[in-house]
Amino acid sequence: MNKIKISAVSYTNTFPFIYGIENNDIIKKIALSKDIPSICAQKLIENKVDIGLVPVAIIPKLPYHEIIANYCIGATDKVRSVIIGSYQPLEKVKKIYLDFHSRSSVMLSRVLAKNFWKINVEWANTSEGFIENIKDNEAAVIIGDRALESETKFPYVYDLAVEWLRFTNLPFVFAAWIANKPVSDTFKKEFDKALQFGLNHIDDMLATYDVSYFPKHISAKDYLENNIDFPLDDKKQKGMQLFLQYAKDFQ
């Protein structure tokens, strides 16, 4: 039997999912790779994998897409791991650097800037080490574990989940489990069961996986249980659809 190829994001917020997959019989049916979000997205777009935990911003780029799980990387309040950090208030910022790991968060920043913050800035692509090069009137979109480390670096920190919620009154979905071809209902049920197992065993996961790199001012358990909101419910679906509507202006 050909194994289903799956790419998952290699950030702390996905560890419960990965733990569930790796401790479930479904691991025998899949070939799992762990990547940064932008690589997950590229693999799915290029048909190098069948399923990815990918930024929802790429959905329009897929000839076929299907959300195959009832869980996501989402937020109903402060997410902490998706921010804009700056040395000045946003209205004084001239340039915003875009985290090269990101797709959805980059698009969210553009949507917020145009429709809600009403600011006109220069957008700049980045590479490794970009956070250290931010100047006085510049800012950066920073995601994942690096965003958690950057919370204390910048005097102005804008949490993008909070900003989206403030303007739309809806939660945000940063990444969802998306297939680029039809997947059987049987597999979907097994996959959901594996994800649920991981979410039910966060303490076991934290005891198994190395999270020693986690910033000292944050508890990994608190972050996973209070900042990331995993169920892909109706309100998150509405938030995701609204985001994709706004994102059309930039495609």
Foldseek 3Di string as FASTA:
>chain_A
DAAAEEEEEPFLLCLLLVQLCVPAPSVVRHDYHYHQQVVQLVCQLVVVGFKYQHFLLCVVSFPDKDFLEQWAFWFLAFQQFWKKFAQDPLQQAAEEEEEPSADNSVLLVVLCCVPPVVHDHHYHYDDPPVVVVHDHRYIYTGGGQVSNVCPPVGPDMGRSQNSLCVVPVFMEGGTTIMGSDDDDNVVSVSSNSSSVNSVVPVVVSPVVDDPVVHDPVDDSVCSNVPNTDIGCDPRNVVNSVVSNVSSVVVD
